[in-house]
N, C-alpha and C. Protein backbone atom coordinates (compact mmCIF):
# COMPACT_ATOMS: atom_id res chain seq x y z
N UNK A 1 -42.19 -11.24 -17.27
CA UNK A 1 -41.51 -12.51 -17.27
C UNK A 1 -40.78 -12.68 -15.96
N UNK A 2 -40.86 -13.86 -15.37
CA UNK A 2 -40.20 -14.16 -14.11
C UNK A 2 -39.05 -15.13 -14.37
N UNK A 3 -38.05 -15.04 -13.52
CA UNK A 3 -36.91 -15.93 -13.63
C UNK A 3 -36.73 -16.65 -12.32
N UNK A 4 -36.75 -17.97 -12.36
CA UNK A 4 -36.50 -18.80 -11.19
C UNK A 4 -35.22 -19.58 -11.45
N UNK A 5 -34.38 -19.68 -10.44
CA UNK A 5 -33.05 -20.28 -10.57
C UNK A 5 -32.97 -21.55 -9.75
N UNK A 6 -32.37 -22.62 -10.29
CA UNK A 6 -32.18 -23.82 -9.48
C UNK A 6 -30.99 -23.66 -8.54
N UNK A 7 -31.15 -24.18 -7.34
CA UNK A 7 -30.08 -24.19 -6.36
C UNK A 7 -30.17 -25.44 -5.52
N UNK A 8 -29.05 -25.80 -4.88
CA UNK A 8 -29.03 -27.01 -4.06
C UNK A 8 -29.16 -26.63 -2.59
N UNK A 9 -30.07 -27.30 -1.90
CA UNK A 9 -30.28 -27.07 -0.47
C UNK A 9 -29.12 -27.68 0.30
N UNK A 10 -28.42 -26.85 1.08
CA UNK A 10 -27.26 -27.35 1.82
C UNK A 10 -27.51 -27.46 3.32
N UNK A 11 -28.55 -26.79 3.82
CA UNK A 11 -28.96 -26.96 5.22
C UNK A 11 -30.40 -26.48 5.36
N UNK A 12 -31.07 -26.98 6.41
CA UNK A 12 -32.45 -26.61 6.68
C UNK A 12 -32.58 -26.27 8.15
N UNK A 13 -33.27 -25.17 8.44
CA UNK A 13 -33.51 -24.79 9.84
C UNK A 13 -34.60 -25.68 10.41
N UNK A 14 -34.59 -25.87 11.70
CA UNK A 14 -35.58 -26.70 12.38
C UNK A 14 -36.64 -25.83 13.05
N UNK A 15 -37.29 -24.98 12.26
CA UNK A 15 -38.32 -24.11 12.79
C UNK A 15 -39.61 -24.90 12.98
N UNK A 16 -40.24 -24.77 14.12
CA UNK A 16 -41.47 -25.51 14.42
C UNK A 16 -42.64 -25.02 13.57
N UNK A 17 -42.60 -23.78 13.14
CA UNK A 17 -43.66 -23.20 12.32
C UNK A 17 -43.38 -23.50 10.85
N UNK A 18 -44.21 -24.34 10.19
CA UNK A 18 -43.95 -24.73 8.79
C UNK A 18 -43.81 -23.56 7.82
N UNK A 19 -44.54 -22.48 8.04
CA UNK A 19 -44.46 -21.34 7.12
C UNK A 19 -43.17 -20.54 7.29
N UNK A 20 -42.45 -20.78 8.37
CA UNK A 20 -41.21 -20.06 8.62
C UNK A 20 -39.97 -20.93 8.35
N UNK A 21 -40.17 -22.12 7.83
CA UNK A 21 -39.06 -23.04 7.56
C UNK A 21 -38.16 -22.46 6.46
N UNK A 22 -36.88 -22.39 6.75
CA UNK A 22 -35.93 -21.84 5.79
C UNK A 22 -34.76 -22.80 5.61
N UNK A 23 -34.00 -22.54 4.58
CA UNK A 23 -32.81 -23.33 4.34
C UNK A 23 -31.76 -22.49 3.65
N UNK A 24 -30.53 -22.95 3.72
CA UNK A 24 -29.44 -22.33 2.98
C UNK A 24 -29.37 -23.05 1.64
N UNK A 25 -29.38 -22.27 0.56
CA UNK A 25 -29.37 -22.83 -0.79
C UNK A 25 -28.16 -22.28 -1.52
N UNK A 26 -27.42 -23.17 -2.18
CA UNK A 26 -26.23 -22.77 -2.93
C UNK A 26 -26.57 -22.63 -4.40
N UNK A 27 -26.24 -21.47 -4.94
CA UNK A 27 -26.41 -21.19 -6.35
C UNK A 27 -25.01 -21.07 -6.95
N UNK A 28 -24.41 -22.21 -7.26
CA UNK A 28 -23.06 -22.20 -7.83
C UNK A 28 -22.03 -21.60 -6.89
N UNK A 29 -22.20 -21.80 -5.59
CA UNK A 29 -21.25 -21.29 -4.61
C UNK A 29 -21.74 -20.06 -3.86
N UNK A 30 -22.72 -19.37 -4.40
CA UNK A 30 -23.34 -18.23 -3.71
C UNK A 30 -24.46 -18.79 -2.85
N UNK A 31 -24.37 -18.60 -1.53
CA UNK A 31 -25.34 -19.20 -0.61
C UNK A 31 -26.30 -18.13 -0.11
N UNK A 32 -27.59 -18.44 -0.21
CA UNK A 32 -28.65 -17.53 0.23
C UNK A 32 -29.62 -18.28 1.14
N UNK A 33 -30.28 -17.55 2.03
CA UNK A 33 -31.34 -18.12 2.84
C UNK A 33 -32.63 -18.05 2.04
N UNK A 34 -33.35 -19.18 1.99
CA UNK A 34 -34.56 -19.30 1.16
C UNK A 34 -35.69 -19.85 2.01
N UNK A 35 -36.90 -19.34 1.81
CA UNK A 35 -38.08 -19.85 2.49
C UNK A 35 -38.49 -21.17 1.83
N UNK A 36 -38.73 -22.20 2.65
CA UNK A 36 -39.07 -23.53 2.14
C UNK A 36 -40.53 -23.91 2.41
N UNK A 37 -41.37 -22.94 2.73
CA UNK A 37 -42.77 -23.22 3.08
C UNK A 37 -43.52 -23.94 1.96
N UNK A 38 -43.21 -23.62 0.71
CA UNK A 38 -43.93 -24.22 -0.42
C UNK A 38 -43.46 -25.63 -0.76
N UNK A 39 -42.35 -26.06 -0.16
CA UNK A 39 -41.80 -27.39 -0.46
C UNK A 39 -41.51 -28.13 0.86
N UNK A 40 -42.57 -28.51 1.58
CA UNK A 40 -42.37 -29.17 2.87
C UNK A 40 -41.61 -30.50 2.76
N UNK A 41 -41.59 -31.08 1.57
CA UNK A 41 -40.89 -32.35 1.36
C UNK A 41 -39.39 -32.18 1.14
N UNK A 42 -38.92 -30.94 1.04
CA UNK A 42 -37.52 -30.66 0.73
C UNK A 42 -36.59 -31.20 1.81
N UNK A 43 -35.45 -31.70 1.35
CA UNK A 43 -34.42 -32.19 2.28
C UNK A 43 -33.05 -31.75 1.78
N UNK A 44 -32.07 -31.81 2.66
CA UNK A 44 -30.71 -31.43 2.30
C UNK A 44 -30.24 -32.27 1.12
N UNK A 45 -29.64 -31.61 0.14
CA UNK A 45 -29.16 -32.28 -1.07
C UNK A 45 -30.10 -32.13 -2.26
N UNK A 46 -31.37 -31.80 -1.99
CA UNK A 46 -32.34 -31.60 -3.07
C UNK A 46 -32.01 -30.32 -3.84
N UNK A 47 -32.46 -30.28 -5.08
CA UNK A 47 -32.39 -29.07 -5.89
C UNK A 47 -33.78 -28.47 -5.94
N UNK A 48 -33.84 -27.15 -5.78
CA UNK A 48 -35.12 -26.45 -5.79
C UNK A 48 -35.06 -25.30 -6.79
N UNK A 49 -36.21 -25.01 -7.37
CA UNK A 49 -36.37 -23.82 -8.19
C UNK A 49 -36.74 -22.69 -7.24
N UNK A 50 -35.96 -21.60 -7.27
CA UNK A 50 -36.14 -20.50 -6.32
C UNK A 50 -36.45 -19.21 -7.07
N UNK A 51 -37.47 -18.51 -6.59
CA UNK A 51 -37.85 -17.20 -7.16
C UNK A 51 -38.09 -16.24 -6.00
N UNK A 52 -37.45 -15.10 -6.03
CA UNK A 52 -37.52 -14.05 -5.01
C UNK A 52 -37.49 -14.58 -3.58
N UNK A 53 -36.59 -15.51 -3.32
CA UNK A 53 -36.39 -15.99 -1.96
C UNK A 53 -37.29 -17.12 -1.52
N UNK A 54 -38.11 -17.66 -2.42
CA UNK A 54 -39.00 -18.77 -2.09
C UNK A 54 -38.70 -19.96 -2.99
N UNK A 55 -38.50 -21.12 -2.39
CA UNK A 55 -38.37 -22.36 -3.17
C UNK A 55 -39.77 -22.74 -3.63
N UNK A 56 -39.94 -22.88 -4.94
CA UNK A 56 -41.27 -23.14 -5.50
C UNK A 56 -41.53 -24.61 -5.77
N UNK A 57 -40.48 -25.35 -6.12
CA UNK A 57 -40.64 -26.77 -6.39
C UNK A 57 -39.28 -27.45 -6.29
N UNK A 58 -39.33 -28.76 -6.12
CA UNK A 58 -38.12 -29.58 -6.08
C UNK A 58 -37.95 -30.19 -7.47
N UNK A 59 -36.72 -30.18 -7.97
CA UNK A 59 -36.43 -30.78 -9.27
C UNK A 59 -35.28 -31.76 -9.11
N UNK A 60 -35.12 -32.65 -10.09
CA UNK A 60 -34.02 -33.60 -9.99
C UNK A 60 -32.71 -32.94 -10.42
N UNK A 61 -31.60 -33.55 -10.04
CA UNK A 61 -30.29 -32.97 -10.29
C UNK A 61 -30.02 -32.77 -11.78
N UNK A 62 -30.46 -33.69 -12.61
CA UNK A 62 -30.25 -33.57 -14.05
C UNK A 62 -30.94 -32.36 -14.63
N UNK A 63 -32.17 -32.14 -14.23
CA UNK A 63 -32.92 -30.98 -14.71
C UNK A 63 -32.27 -29.68 -14.23
N UNK A 64 -31.81 -29.68 -12.99
CA UNK A 64 -31.14 -28.49 -12.44
C UNK A 64 -29.86 -28.20 -13.23
N UNK A 65 -29.08 -29.24 -13.50
CA UNK A 65 -27.83 -29.04 -14.23
C UNK A 65 -28.08 -28.56 -15.65
N UNK A 66 -29.11 -29.10 -16.29
CA UNK A 66 -29.46 -28.67 -17.65
C UNK A 66 -29.80 -27.17 -17.67
N UNK A 67 -30.58 -26.74 -16.70
CA UNK A 67 -30.94 -25.32 -16.62
C UNK A 67 -29.72 -24.45 -16.37
N UNK A 68 -28.85 -24.88 -15.46
CA UNK A 68 -27.63 -24.12 -15.17
C UNK A 68 -26.72 -24.06 -16.40
N UNK A 69 -26.69 -25.13 -17.18
CA UNK A 69 -25.90 -25.13 -18.41
C UNK A 69 -26.44 -24.11 -19.41
N UNK A 70 -27.78 -23.98 -19.50
CA UNK A 70 -28.38 -22.99 -20.37
C UNK A 70 -27.98 -21.58 -19.94
N UNK A 71 -28.01 -21.32 -18.64
CA UNK A 71 -27.60 -20.01 -18.14
C UNK A 71 -26.14 -19.72 -18.47
N UNK A 72 -25.30 -20.74 -18.39
CA UNK A 72 -23.88 -20.57 -18.70
C UNK A 72 -23.72 -20.23 -20.17
N UNK A 73 -24.48 -20.90 -21.05
CA UNK A 73 -24.41 -20.62 -22.49
C UNK A 73 -24.85 -19.19 -22.78
N UNK A 74 -25.90 -18.73 -22.10
CA UNK A 74 -26.38 -17.36 -22.31
C UNK A 74 -25.32 -16.37 -21.88
N UNK A 75 -24.66 -16.65 -20.78
CA UNK A 75 -23.61 -15.75 -20.28
C UNK A 75 -22.45 -15.65 -21.25
N UNK A 76 -22.14 -16.74 -21.96
CA UNK A 76 -21.02 -16.76 -22.89
C UNK A 76 -21.30 -16.01 -24.18
N UNK A 77 -22.56 -15.79 -24.48
CA UNK A 77 -22.93 -15.12 -25.73
C UNK A 77 -22.75 -13.65 -25.66
């Protein structure tokens, strides 16, 4: 089973090579560098599903918040 976490893109590097495009993604205040090669349409402010350092898809803010709420509920149990 794999776990992918939603995070908000807060900055994007301007790398000329599309496969090396990265961004800073915030996961509830924890910021990590993430590869954005799989989501060339990504822009600052978007929410992305991230697995092992790669953004796999862009999701809307509501869906991201719903997923984060589920994680919070699991943590409280």
